């Protein structure tokens, strides 16, 4: 979470110890500006994630549809940075209706519970966008349980998300590649297209 992360970075930097962040946001400033007390940061470009997800949504639903968003735990900046572009792009496309947004707390169990509730209220929903692959996998269970045809988008490129794409329970995913991030230096980068198709 950006606030507690900033407090930790401040403490370490005050002790004169270099500190870096990997795959996360420190501080509550602009997501594309690294926190000043970091020695370096390695991160995806959070501002593009929602746009990538919207492109997948339009691929999954070429004409329109009802959409729900499953966010992470309250207080995480990703809940807004990873959804802003998604919402704006779908609004610009027209025909898409975001009927619900529920927290899934980054876990499969909570993602499943959130999707169950939304499916109960909106049985004709067409697509779920889950902000993590764990939540997407949980949502897939909820969709299968009621034999819904809703498609699911994940986020992150985790093993469970890739498996969902391979077995057809998850339509698509915007991938981060942590195996590459360790080799990078001071670079904010957009990653993504490897996981886009089933």
N, C-alpha and C. Protein backbone atom coordinates (compact mmCIF):
# COMPACT_ATOMS: atom_id res chain seq x y z
N UNK A 1 0.85 -1.18 0.00
CA UNK A 1 0.00 0.00 0.00
C UNK A 1 0.89 1.24 0.00
N UNK A 2 0.60 2.23 -0.84
CA UNK A 2 1.53 3.35 -1.04
C UNK A 2 1.89 4.13 0.22
N UNK A 3 0.93 4.37 1.12
CA UNK A 3 1.22 5.14 2.32
C UNK A 3 2.19 4.45 3.26
N UNK A 4 1.88 3.22 3.70
CA UNK A 4 2.84 2.49 4.54
C UNK A 4 4.19 2.27 3.86
N UNK A 5 4.18 2.06 2.55
CA UNK A 5 5.44 1.89 1.83
C UNK A 5 6.29 3.16 1.93
N UNK A 6 5.65 4.32 1.82
CA UNK A 6 6.39 5.57 1.94
C UNK A 6 7.01 5.71 3.32
N UNK A 7 6.29 5.35 4.36
CA UNK A 7 6.82 5.43 5.72
C UNK A 7 8.05 4.54 5.88
N UNK A 8 8.01 3.35 5.29
CA UNK A 8 9.16 2.45 5.38
C UNK A 8 10.35 3.01 4.61
N UNK A 9 10.09 3.53 3.43
CA UNK A 9 11.18 4.10 2.62
C UNK A 9 11.79 5.28 3.35
N UNK A 10 10.98 6.14 3.94
CA UNK A 10 11.49 7.29 4.68
C UNK A 10 12.44 6.84 5.80
N UNK A 11 12.04 5.81 6.52
CA UNK A 11 12.84 5.31 7.64
C UNK A 11 14.19 4.75 7.17
N UNK A 12 14.16 3.97 6.10
CA UNK A 12 15.39 3.38 5.58
C UNK A 12 16.30 4.46 4.99
N UNK A 13 15.71 5.40 4.23
CA UNK A 13 16.51 6.46 3.63
C UNK A 13 17.14 7.35 4.69
N UNK A 14 16.42 7.59 5.78
CA UNK A 14 16.97 8.41 6.87
C UNK A 14 18.18 7.74 7.52
N UNK A 15 18.26 6.43 7.44
CA UNK A 15 19.41 5.70 7.98
C UNK A 15 20.56 5.63 6.99
N UNK A 16 20.39 6.25 5.83
CA UNK A 16 21.46 6.28 4.83
C UNK A 16 21.61 5.01 4.04
N UNK A 17 20.58 4.19 4.03
CA UNK A 17 20.62 2.92 3.31
C UNK A 17 19.88 3.07 1.98
N UNK A 18 20.51 2.72 0.87
CA UNK A 18 19.81 2.78 -0.41
C UNK A 18 18.61 1.83 -0.41
N UNK A 19 17.52 2.24 -1.03
CA UNK A 19 16.33 1.39 -1.08
C UNK A 19 15.64 1.55 -2.43
N UNK A 20 15.17 0.43 -2.95
CA UNK A 20 14.47 0.41 -4.22
C UNK A 20 13.10 -0.23 -4.03
N UNK A 21 12.19 0.05 -4.95
CA UNK A 21 10.91 -0.63 -4.95
C UNK A 21 10.75 -1.39 -6.26
N UNK A 22 10.07 -2.52 -6.16
CA UNK A 22 9.82 -3.36 -7.32
C UNK A 22 8.34 -3.69 -7.37
N UNK A 23 7.70 -3.43 -8.50
CA UNK A 23 6.32 -3.83 -8.76
C UNK A 23 5.36 -3.32 -7.68
N UNK A 24 5.41 -2.03 -7.48
CA UNK A 24 4.49 -1.42 -6.53
C UNK A 24 4.71 0.07 -6.47
N UNK A 25 3.73 0.78 -5.93
CA UNK A 25 3.79 2.23 -5.87
C UNK A 25 4.14 2.68 -4.45
N UNK A 26 5.08 3.58 -4.35
CA UNK A 26 5.47 4.18 -3.06
C UNK A 26 5.00 5.62 -3.06
N UNK A 27 4.27 6.01 -2.02
CA UNK A 27 3.78 7.38 -1.92
C UNK A 27 2.50 7.57 -2.72
N UNK A 28 1.90 8.71 -2.51
CA UNK A 28 0.60 8.97 -3.12
C UNK A 28 0.67 10.00 -4.25
N UNK A 29 1.87 10.28 -4.74
CA UNK A 29 2.02 11.20 -5.86
C UNK A 29 1.66 10.54 -7.17
N UNK A 30 1.95 11.21 -8.28
CA UNK A 30 1.64 10.64 -9.60
C UNK A 30 2.30 9.28 -9.80
N UNK A 31 1.58 8.35 -10.38
CA UNK A 31 2.12 6.99 -10.52
C UNK A 31 3.31 6.92 -11.45
N UNK A 32 3.45 7.90 -12.34
CA UNK A 32 4.57 7.86 -13.29
C UNK A 32 5.79 8.65 -12.81
N UNK A 33 5.76 9.09 -11.55
CA UNK A 33 6.90 9.80 -10.95
C UNK A 33 7.35 9.03 -9.72
N UNK A 34 8.54 8.39 -9.76
CA UNK A 34 8.99 7.62 -8.61
C UNK A 34 9.16 8.49 -7.36
N UNK A 35 8.90 7.92 -6.20
CA UNK A 35 9.06 8.63 -4.94
C UNK A 35 10.52 9.07 -4.79
N UNK A 36 10.74 10.30 -4.38
CA UNK A 36 12.07 10.92 -4.44
C UNK A 36 13.12 10.24 -3.56
N UNK A 37 12.73 9.55 -2.51
CA UNK A 37 13.72 8.93 -1.61
C UNK A 37 14.13 7.52 -2.03
N UNK A 38 13.56 7.04 -3.12
CA UNK A 38 13.98 5.75 -3.65
C UNK A 38 15.29 5.90 -4.42
N UNK A 39 16.17 4.92 -4.32
CA UNK A 39 17.38 4.91 -5.13
C UNK A 39 17.03 4.60 -6.58
N UNK A 40 16.13 3.66 -6.78
CA UNK A 40 15.56 3.39 -8.10
C UNK A 40 14.28 2.59 -7.92
N UNK A 41 13.52 2.50 -8.97
CA UNK A 41 12.28 1.73 -8.93
C UNK A 41 12.13 0.96 -10.23
N UNK A 42 11.53 -0.21 -10.13
CA UNK A 42 11.21 -1.03 -11.30
C UNK A 42 9.71 -1.28 -11.23
N UNK A 43 8.98 -0.82 -12.23
CA UNK A 43 7.54 -0.93 -12.14
C UNK A 43 6.93 -0.91 -13.52
N UNK A 44 5.75 -1.51 -13.64
CA UNK A 44 4.97 -1.37 -14.85
C UNK A 44 4.38 0.03 -14.89
N UNK A 45 3.96 0.46 -16.05
CA UNK A 45 3.29 1.75 -16.17
C UNK A 45 1.83 1.55 -15.81
N UNK A 46 1.48 1.88 -14.58
CA UNK A 46 0.13 1.62 -14.07
C UNK A 46 -0.93 2.34 -14.88
N UNK A 47 -0.58 3.45 -15.47
CA UNK A 47 -1.56 4.24 -16.20
C UNK A 47 -2.03 3.56 -17.49
N UNK A 48 -1.27 2.61 -18.01
CA UNK A 48 -1.66 1.95 -19.27
C UNK A 48 -2.45 0.67 -19.04
N UNK A 49 -2.43 0.14 -17.81
CA UNK A 49 -3.07 -1.16 -17.56
C UNK A 49 -4.55 -1.12 -17.93
N UNK A 50 -5.27 -0.12 -17.48
CA UNK A 50 -6.69 -0.03 -17.77
C UNK A 50 -6.99 0.05 -19.26
N UNK A 51 -6.13 0.75 -20.01
CA UNK A 51 -6.33 0.84 -21.45
C UNK A 51 -6.15 -0.53 -22.11
N UNK A 52 -5.14 -1.28 -21.65
CA UNK A 52 -4.93 -2.64 -22.17
C UNK A 52 -6.13 -3.52 -21.86
N UNK A 53 -6.64 -3.40 -20.63
CA UNK A 53 -7.79 -4.21 -20.22
C UNK A 53 -9.04 -3.83 -21.03
N UNK A 54 -9.21 -2.55 -21.31
CA UNK A 54 -10.35 -2.12 -22.12
C UNK A 54 -10.26 -2.69 -23.53
N UNK A 55 -9.06 -2.76 -24.08
CA UNK A 55 -8.88 -3.35 -25.41
C UNK A 55 -9.30 -4.82 -25.39
N UNK A 56 -8.95 -5.52 -24.30
CA UNK A 56 -9.37 -6.91 -24.17
C UNK A 56 -10.88 -7.02 -24.02
N UNK A 57 -11.47 -6.09 -23.26
CA UNK A 57 -12.93 -6.11 -23.07
C UNK A 57 -13.64 -5.94 -24.41
N UNK A 58 -13.14 -5.04 -25.24
CA UNK A 58 -13.76 -4.81 -26.54
C UNK A 58 -13.55 -6.00 -27.48
N UNK A 59 -12.45 -6.71 -27.27
CA UNK A 59 -12.22 -7.94 -28.04
C UNK A 59 -13.19 -9.04 -27.58
N UNK A 60 -13.39 -9.12 -26.27
CA UNK A 60 -14.29 -10.14 -25.72
C UNK A 60 -15.75 -9.86 -26.04
N UNK A 61 -16.11 -8.57 -26.03
CA UNK A 61 -17.49 -8.14 -26.30
C UNK A 61 -17.47 -7.11 -27.42
N UNK A 62 -17.41 -7.54 -28.66
CA UNK A 62 -17.23 -6.59 -29.77
C UNK A 62 -18.33 -5.55 -29.90
N UNK A 63 -19.51 -5.85 -29.41
CA UNK A 63 -20.63 -4.94 -29.66
C UNK A 63 -21.07 -4.15 -28.45
N UNK A 64 -20.87 -4.65 -27.23
CA UNK A 64 -21.30 -3.97 -26.02
C UNK A 64 -21.54 -5.00 -24.94
N UNK A 65 -21.94 -4.53 -23.75
CA UNK A 65 -22.29 -5.47 -22.71
C UNK A 65 -22.26 -4.87 -21.32
N UNK A 66 -22.75 -5.65 -20.38
CA UNK A 66 -22.71 -5.29 -18.97
C UNK A 66 -21.38 -5.77 -18.37
N UNK A 67 -20.74 -4.89 -17.61
CA UNK A 67 -19.40 -5.15 -17.09
C UNK A 67 -19.37 -4.89 -15.60
N UNK A 68 -18.57 -5.69 -14.88
CA UNK A 68 -18.33 -5.45 -13.46
C UNK A 68 -16.83 -5.44 -13.21
N UNK A 69 -16.42 -4.68 -12.20
CA UNK A 69 -15.00 -4.58 -11.83
C UNK A 69 -14.83 -5.14 -10.43
N UNK A 70 -13.84 -6.02 -10.27
CA UNK A 70 -13.49 -6.56 -8.96
C UNK A 70 -12.16 -5.93 -8.56
N UNK A 71 -12.23 -5.03 -7.58
CA UNK A 71 -11.03 -4.31 -7.14
C UNK A 71 -10.31 -5.08 -6.04
N UNK A 72 -9.14 -4.58 -5.67
CA UNK A 72 -8.41 -5.16 -4.56
C UNK A 72 -8.89 -4.60 -3.23
N UNK A 73 -8.07 -4.78 -2.21
CA UNK A 73 -8.42 -4.27 -0.89
C UNK A 73 -8.47 -2.75 -0.90
N UNK A 74 -9.29 -2.20 -0.03
CA UNK A 74 -9.43 -0.75 0.06
C UNK A 74 -8.09 -0.10 0.38
N UNK A 75 -7.87 1.08 -0.19
CA UNK A 75 -6.68 1.86 0.12
C UNK A 75 -5.53 1.68 -0.86
N UNK A 76 -5.64 0.74 -1.77
CA UNK A 76 -4.57 0.53 -2.74
C UNK A 76 -4.77 1.44 -3.94
N UNK A 77 -3.72 2.14 -4.34
CA UNK A 77 -3.78 3.07 -5.45
C UNK A 77 -4.17 2.37 -6.75
N UNK A 78 -3.81 1.09 -6.87
CA UNK A 78 -4.13 0.34 -8.08
C UNK A 78 -5.64 0.28 -8.34
N UNK A 79 -6.43 0.39 -7.30
CA UNK A 79 -7.88 0.36 -7.49
C UNK A 79 -8.36 1.50 -8.39
N UNK A 80 -7.63 2.59 -8.41
CA UNK A 80 -7.99 3.70 -9.29
C UNK A 80 -7.11 3.74 -10.54
N UNK A 81 -5.79 3.53 -10.39
CA UNK A 81 -4.91 3.65 -11.56
C UNK A 81 -5.18 2.54 -12.58
N UNK A 82 -5.55 1.35 -12.14
CA UNK A 82 -5.79 0.25 -13.06
C UNK A 82 -7.21 0.23 -13.61
N UNK A 83 -8.06 1.14 -13.14
CA UNK A 83 -9.43 1.16 -13.65
C UNK A 83 -9.76 2.44 -14.42
N UNK A 84 -9.00 3.50 -14.23
CA UNK A 84 -9.34 4.78 -14.86
C UNK A 84 -9.39 4.66 -16.38
N UNK A 85 -8.35 4.14 -16.98
CA UNK A 85 -8.31 3.99 -18.44
C UNK A 85 -9.35 3.00 -18.94
N UNK A 86 -9.62 1.98 -18.16
CA UNK A 86 -10.63 0.99 -18.51
C UNK A 86 -11.99 1.65 -18.63
N UNK A 87 -12.35 2.43 -17.61
CA UNK A 87 -13.65 3.10 -17.61
C UNK A 87 -13.75 4.12 -18.74
N UNK A 88 -12.73 4.92 -18.91
CA UNK A 88 -12.80 5.98 -19.92
C UNK A 88 -12.85 5.41 -21.34
N UNK A 89 -12.09 4.35 -21.59
CA UNK A 89 -12.08 3.76 -22.93
C UNK A 89 -13.41 3.08 -23.26
N UNK A 90 -14.01 2.41 -22.27
CA UNK A 90 -15.31 1.78 -22.52
C UNK A 90 -16.40 2.83 -22.70
N UNK A 91 -16.31 3.91 -21.94
CA UNK A 91 -17.29 5.00 -22.11
C UNK A 91 -17.19 5.60 -23.50
N UNK A 92 -15.95 5.79 -23.97
CA UNK A 92 -15.74 6.36 -25.30
C UNK A 92 -16.23 5.42 -26.40
N UNK A 93 -16.11 4.12 -26.17
CA UNK A 93 -16.55 3.15 -27.17
C UNK A 93 -18.07 3.11 -27.28
N UNK A 94 -18.75 3.39 -26.17
CA UNK A 94 -20.20 3.35 -26.16
C UNK A 94 -20.74 1.94 -26.08
N UNK A 95 -21.91 1.78 -25.47
CA UNK A 95 -22.55 0.48 -25.42
C UNK A 95 -22.17 -0.38 -24.23
N UNK A 96 -21.18 0.05 -23.47
CA UNK A 96 -20.76 -0.71 -22.29
C UNK A 96 -21.33 -0.06 -21.04
N UNK A 97 -21.83 -0.89 -20.13
CA UNK A 97 -22.44 -0.40 -18.91
C UNK A 97 -21.75 -1.08 -17.73
N UNK A 98 -21.01 -0.30 -16.94
CA UNK A 98 -20.38 -0.84 -15.74
C UNK A 98 -21.44 -0.85 -14.65
N UNK A 99 -21.96 -2.04 -14.36
CA UNK A 99 -23.11 -2.17 -13.48
C UNK A 99 -22.74 -2.39 -12.02
N UNK A 100 -21.47 -2.74 -11.75
CA UNK A 100 -21.08 -3.01 -10.35
C UNK A 100 -19.57 -2.93 -10.20
N UNK A 101 -19.15 -2.51 -9.03
CA UNK A 101 -17.75 -2.56 -8.62
C UNK A 101 -17.73 -3.09 -7.19
N UNK A 102 -17.02 -4.19 -6.97
CA UNK A 102 -16.96 -4.81 -5.65
C UNK A 102 -15.51 -5.14 -5.29
N UNK A 103 -15.13 -5.02 -4.02
CA UNK A 103 -13.78 -5.42 -3.62
C UNK A 103 -13.64 -6.93 -3.50
N UNK A 104 -12.52 -7.43 -3.98
CA UNK A 104 -12.20 -8.85 -3.84
C UNK A 104 -10.98 -9.09 -2.97
N UNK A 105 -10.41 -7.99 -2.43
CA UNK A 105 -9.31 -8.06 -1.45
C UNK A 105 -8.09 -8.84 -1.93
N UNK A 106 -7.90 -8.94 -3.24
CA UNK A 106 -6.74 -9.57 -3.88
C UNK A 106 -6.72 -11.09 -3.73
N UNK A 107 -7.75 -11.73 -3.18
CA UNK A 107 -7.71 -13.18 -2.95
C UNK A 107 -8.74 -13.89 -3.80
N UNK A 108 -8.50 -15.17 -4.06
CA UNK A 108 -9.42 -15.98 -4.87
C UNK A 108 -10.77 -16.13 -4.16
N UNK A 109 -10.74 -16.40 -2.85
CA UNK A 109 -11.99 -16.61 -2.12
C UNK A 109 -12.86 -15.36 -2.13
N UNK A 110 -12.25 -14.21 -1.89
CA UNK A 110 -13.03 -12.97 -1.88
C UNK A 110 -13.45 -12.55 -3.29
N UNK A 111 -12.61 -12.86 -4.26
CA UNK A 111 -12.99 -12.60 -5.64
C UNK A 111 -14.20 -13.43 -6.04
N UNK A 112 -14.20 -14.69 -5.62
CA UNK A 112 -15.34 -15.56 -5.89
C UNK A 112 -16.60 -15.02 -5.23
N UNK A 113 -16.48 -14.61 -3.96
CA UNK A 113 -17.65 -14.08 -3.23
C UNK A 113 -18.19 -12.81 -3.89
N UNK A 114 -17.28 -11.93 -4.32
CA UNK A 114 -17.71 -10.69 -4.97
C UNK A 114 -18.46 -10.99 -6.26
N UNK A 115 -17.94 -11.92 -7.04
CA UNK A 115 -18.59 -12.26 -8.31
C UNK A 115 -19.91 -12.98 -8.09
N UNK A 116 -19.99 -13.80 -7.04
CA UNK A 116 -21.26 -14.45 -6.71
C UNK A 116 -22.34 -13.40 -6.44
N UNK A 117 -22.00 -12.40 -5.65
CA UNK A 117 -22.96 -11.35 -5.33
C UNK A 117 -23.40 -10.58 -6.56
N UNK A 118 -22.45 -10.28 -7.43
CA UNK A 118 -22.79 -9.53 -8.64
C UNK A 118 -23.64 -10.38 -9.58
N UNK A 119 -23.31 -11.66 -9.71
CA UNK A 119 -24.09 -12.55 -10.57
C UNK A 119 -25.52 -12.69 -10.06
N UNK A 120 -25.68 -12.67 -8.75
CA UNK A 120 -27.01 -12.74 -8.18
C UNK A 120 -27.83 -11.50 -8.53
N UNK A 121 -27.19 -10.34 -8.45
CA UNK A 121 -27.89 -9.09 -8.75
C UNK A 121 -28.01 -8.82 -10.25
N UNK A 122 -27.05 -9.31 -11.02
CA UNK A 122 -27.01 -9.05 -12.47
C UNK A 122 -26.73 -10.37 -13.21
N UNK A 123 -27.72 -11.26 -13.27
CA UNK A 123 -27.46 -12.58 -13.87
C UNK A 123 -27.09 -12.53 -15.35
N UNK A 124 -27.37 -11.44 -16.02
CA UNK A 124 -27.05 -11.33 -17.45
C UNK A 124 -25.73 -10.62 -17.71
N UNK A 125 -24.92 -10.46 -16.68
CA UNK A 125 -23.64 -9.75 -16.84
C UNK A 125 -22.78 -10.46 -17.89
N UNK A 126 -22.04 -9.66 -18.65
CA UNK A 126 -21.26 -10.21 -19.76
C UNK A 126 -19.77 -10.34 -19.49
N UNK A 127 -19.23 -9.51 -18.58
CA UNK A 127 -17.78 -9.52 -18.39
C UNK A 127 -17.41 -9.03 -17.00
N UNK A 128 -16.41 -9.69 -16.41
CA UNK A 128 -15.79 -9.25 -15.16
C UNK A 128 -14.34 -8.85 -15.44
N UNK A 129 -13.93 -7.72 -14.91
CA UNK A 129 -12.52 -7.32 -14.93
C UNK A 129 -12.02 -7.38 -13.50
N UNK A 130 -11.17 -8.36 -13.21
CA UNK A 130 -10.59 -8.54 -11.88
C UNK A 130 -9.18 -7.98 -11.88
N UNK A 131 -8.85 -7.19 -10.87
CA UNK A 131 -7.56 -6.50 -10.84
C UNK A 131 -6.40 -7.41 -10.46
N UNK A 132 -6.67 -8.66 -10.15
CA UNK A 132 -5.58 -9.63 -9.94
C UNK A 132 -6.01 -10.98 -10.49
N UNK A 133 -5.02 -11.80 -10.82
CA UNK A 133 -5.32 -13.13 -11.35
C UNK A 133 -5.95 -14.03 -10.30
N UNK A 134 -5.56 -13.89 -9.04
CA UNK A 134 -6.20 -14.68 -7.98
C UNK A 134 -7.69 -14.40 -7.94
N UNK A 135 -8.07 -13.12 -7.95
CA UNK A 135 -9.48 -12.78 -7.94
C UNK A 135 -10.18 -13.27 -9.21
N UNK A 136 -9.51 -13.20 -10.34
CA UNK A 136 -10.09 -13.69 -11.60
C UNK A 136 -10.36 -15.19 -11.51
N UNK A 137 -9.43 -15.94 -10.92
CA UNK A 137 -9.63 -17.38 -10.78
C UNK A 137 -10.81 -17.67 -9.86
N UNK A 138 -10.94 -16.91 -8.78
CA UNK A 138 -12.10 -17.07 -7.91
C UNK A 138 -13.39 -16.74 -8.63
N UNK A 139 -13.36 -15.69 -9.41
CA UNK A 139 -14.53 -15.28 -10.18
C UNK A 139 -14.92 -16.36 -11.19
N UNK A 140 -13.93 -17.02 -11.76
CA UNK A 140 -14.21 -18.10 -12.72
C UNK A 140 -15.02 -19.20 -12.06
N UNK A 141 -14.74 -19.48 -10.80
CA UNK A 141 -15.51 -20.50 -10.08
C UNK A 141 -16.96 -20.07 -9.91
N UNK A 142 -17.15 -18.78 -9.58
CA UNK A 142 -18.51 -18.27 -9.41
C UNK A 142 -19.28 -18.33 -10.73
N UNK A 143 -18.62 -17.98 -11.82
CA UNK A 143 -19.26 -18.00 -13.14
C UNK A 143 -19.63 -19.43 -13.52
N UNK A 144 -18.72 -20.37 -13.29
CA UNK A 144 -18.98 -21.77 -13.64
C UNK A 144 -20.12 -22.34 -12.80
N UNK A 145 -20.21 -21.94 -11.54
CA UNK A 145 -21.21 -22.50 -10.64
C UNK A 145 -22.63 -22.21 -11.09
N UNK A 146 -22.83 -21.07 -11.75
CA UNK A 146 -24.18 -20.72 -12.20
C UNK A 146 -24.32 -20.84 -13.72
N UNK A 147 -23.31 -21.44 -14.35
CA UNK A 147 -23.32 -21.67 -15.80
C UNK A 147 -23.52 -20.37 -16.58
N UNK A 148 -22.89 -19.31 -16.08
CA UNK A 148 -22.94 -18.02 -16.76
C UNK A 148 -21.99 -18.04 -17.96
N UNK A 149 -22.30 -17.25 -18.95
CA UNK A 149 -21.41 -17.11 -20.11
C UNK A 149 -20.50 -15.89 -19.99
N UNK A 150 -20.50 -15.25 -18.82
CA UNK A 150 -19.68 -14.06 -18.62
C UNK A 150 -18.20 -14.38 -18.83
N UNK A 151 -17.52 -13.46 -19.49
CA UNK A 151 -16.09 -13.60 -19.71
C UNK A 151 -15.34 -12.87 -18.60
N UNK A 152 -14.10 -13.30 -18.38
CA UNK A 152 -13.32 -12.79 -17.25
C UNK A 152 -11.97 -12.31 -17.75
N UNK A 153 -11.58 -11.12 -17.29
CA UNK A 153 -10.25 -10.59 -17.53
C UNK A 153 -9.49 -10.59 -16.23
N UNK A 154 -8.24 -11.05 -16.27
CA UNK A 154 -7.36 -10.99 -15.11
C UNK A 154 -6.32 -9.92 -15.30
N UNK A 155 -5.39 -9.89 -14.37
CA UNK A 155 -4.35 -8.87 -14.42
C UNK A 155 -3.12 -9.37 -13.67
N UNK A 156 -1.97 -9.33 -14.32
CA UNK A 156 -0.73 -9.66 -13.65
C UNK A 156 0.10 -10.72 -14.33
N UNK A 157 -0.52 -11.67 -15.01
CA UNK A 157 0.25 -12.72 -15.66
C UNK A 157 0.78 -13.77 -14.71
N UNK A 158 0.11 -13.96 -13.56
CA UNK A 158 0.50 -14.99 -12.61
C UNK A 158 0.19 -16.37 -13.18
N UNK A 159 0.81 -17.38 -12.60
CA UNK A 159 0.62 -18.75 -13.09
C UNK A 159 -0.85 -19.13 -13.15
N UNK A 160 -1.61 -18.75 -12.13
CA UNK A 160 -3.03 -19.11 -12.07
C UNK A 160 -3.82 -18.41 -13.18
N UNK A 161 -3.40 -17.21 -13.56
CA UNK A 161 -4.05 -16.50 -14.65
C UNK A 161 -3.74 -17.12 -16.00
N UNK A 162 -2.48 -17.48 -16.21
CA UNK A 162 -2.08 -18.12 -17.46
C UNK A 162 -2.79 -19.46 -17.62
N UNK A 163 -2.90 -20.21 -16.50
CA UNK A 163 -3.61 -21.49 -16.54
C UNK A 163 -5.07 -21.28 -16.92
N UNK A 164 -5.68 -20.21 -16.39
CA UNK A 164 -7.07 -19.91 -16.73
C UNK A 164 -7.25 -19.61 -18.21
N UNK A 165 -6.29 -18.91 -18.80
CA UNK A 165 -6.35 -18.63 -20.23
C UNK A 165 -6.23 -19.94 -21.01
N UNK A 166 -5.32 -20.79 -20.57
CA UNK A 166 -5.11 -22.06 -21.28
C UNK A 166 -6.33 -22.96 -21.19
N UNK A 167 -7.01 -22.98 -20.03
CA UNK A 167 -8.16 -23.88 -19.91
C UNK A 167 -9.49 -23.22 -20.30
N UNK A 168 -9.43 -21.93 -20.69
CA UNK A 168 -10.60 -21.26 -21.22
C UNK A 168 -11.51 -20.61 -20.18
N UNK A 169 -11.11 -20.63 -18.91
CA UNK A 169 -11.96 -20.01 -17.89
C UNK A 169 -11.70 -18.51 -17.75
N UNK A 170 -10.56 -18.03 -18.24
CA UNK A 170 -10.23 -16.61 -18.25
C UNK A 170 -9.98 -16.21 -19.70
N UNK A 171 -10.64 -15.14 -20.13
CA UNK A 171 -10.53 -14.72 -21.53
C UNK A 171 -9.17 -14.14 -21.85
N UNK A 172 -8.68 -13.25 -20.98
CA UNK A 172 -7.41 -12.58 -21.27
C UNK A 172 -6.81 -11.95 -20.04
N UNK A 173 -5.59 -11.47 -20.18
CA UNK A 173 -4.82 -11.02 -19.04
C UNK A 173 -3.78 -10.01 -19.51
N UNK A 174 -3.57 -8.97 -18.73
CA UNK A 174 -2.46 -8.05 -18.99
C UNK A 174 -1.31 -8.50 -18.10
N UNK A 175 -0.20 -8.84 -18.72
CA UNK A 175 0.87 -9.52 -18.00
C UNK A 175 1.98 -8.58 -17.54
N UNK A 176 2.38 -8.78 -16.30
CA UNK A 176 3.62 -8.23 -15.79
C UNK A 176 4.60 -9.41 -15.75
N UNK A 177 5.86 -9.14 -16.01
CA UNK A 177 6.82 -10.24 -16.08
C UNK A 177 7.92 -10.05 -15.04
N UNK A 178 7.66 -10.49 -13.80
CA UNK A 178 8.66 -10.27 -12.75
C UNK A 178 9.98 -10.97 -13.01
N UNK A 179 9.99 -12.04 -13.82
CA UNK A 179 11.26 -12.70 -14.12
C UNK A 179 12.18 -11.78 -14.91
N UNK A 180 11.61 -10.77 -15.60
CA UNK A 180 12.43 -9.81 -16.33
C UNK A 180 12.77 -8.59 -15.48
N UNK A 181 11.93 -8.29 -14.49
CA UNK A 181 12.10 -7.04 -13.75
C UNK A 181 13.42 -6.98 -12.99
N UNK A 182 13.90 -8.13 -12.53
CA UNK A 182 15.15 -8.13 -11.77
C UNK A 182 16.35 -7.69 -12.60
N UNK A 183 16.25 -7.81 -13.90
CA UNK A 183 17.36 -7.42 -14.78
C UNK A 183 17.28 -5.95 -15.19
N UNK A 184 16.24 -5.26 -14.79
CA UNK A 184 16.05 -3.88 -15.21
C UNK A 184 16.65 -2.91 -14.20
N UNK A 185 16.90 -1.67 -14.63
CA UNK A 185 17.41 -0.62 -13.76
C UNK A 185 16.64 0.66 -14.03
N UNK A 186 16.03 1.19 -13.01
CA UNK A 186 15.39 2.51 -13.06
C UNK A 186 14.48 2.69 -14.27
N UNK A 187 13.72 1.70 -14.58
CA UNK A 187 12.90 1.79 -15.79
C UNK A 187 11.45 1.51 -15.43
N UNK A 188 10.59 2.44 -15.76
CA UNK A 188 9.16 2.17 -15.66
C UNK A 188 8.73 1.71 -17.02
N UNK A 189 8.07 0.57 -17.07
CA UNK A 189 7.82 0.01 -18.39
C UNK A 189 6.43 -0.58 -18.48
N UNK A 190 5.92 -0.57 -19.65
CA UNK A 190 4.65 -1.19 -19.94
C UNK A 190 4.93 -2.60 -20.41
N UNK A 191 4.25 -3.57 -19.83
CA UNK A 191 4.37 -4.93 -20.28
C UNK A 191 2.97 -5.42 -20.60
N UNK A 192 2.87 -6.41 -21.44
CA UNK A 192 1.51 -6.77 -21.65
C UNK A 192 1.08 -7.78 -22.66
N UNK A 193 1.46 -7.72 -23.86
CA UNK A 193 0.68 -8.37 -24.89
C UNK A 193 0.82 -9.89 -24.88
N UNK A 194 1.82 -10.45 -24.19
CA UNK A 194 2.04 -11.89 -24.28
C UNK A 194 0.82 -12.69 -23.86
N UNK A 195 0.02 -12.19 -22.95
CA UNK A 195 -1.09 -12.98 -22.40
C UNK A 195 -2.43 -12.60 -22.97
N UNK A 196 -2.47 -11.82 -24.01
CA UNK A 196 -3.75 -11.24 -24.41
C UNK A 196 -4.70 -12.25 -25.02
N UNK A 197 -4.21 -13.27 -25.71
CA UNK A 197 -5.14 -14.16 -26.37
C UNK A 197 -5.13 -15.54 -25.71
N UNK A 198 -6.24 -16.23 -25.87
CA UNK A 198 -6.35 -17.55 -25.26
C UNK A 198 -5.51 -18.55 -26.00
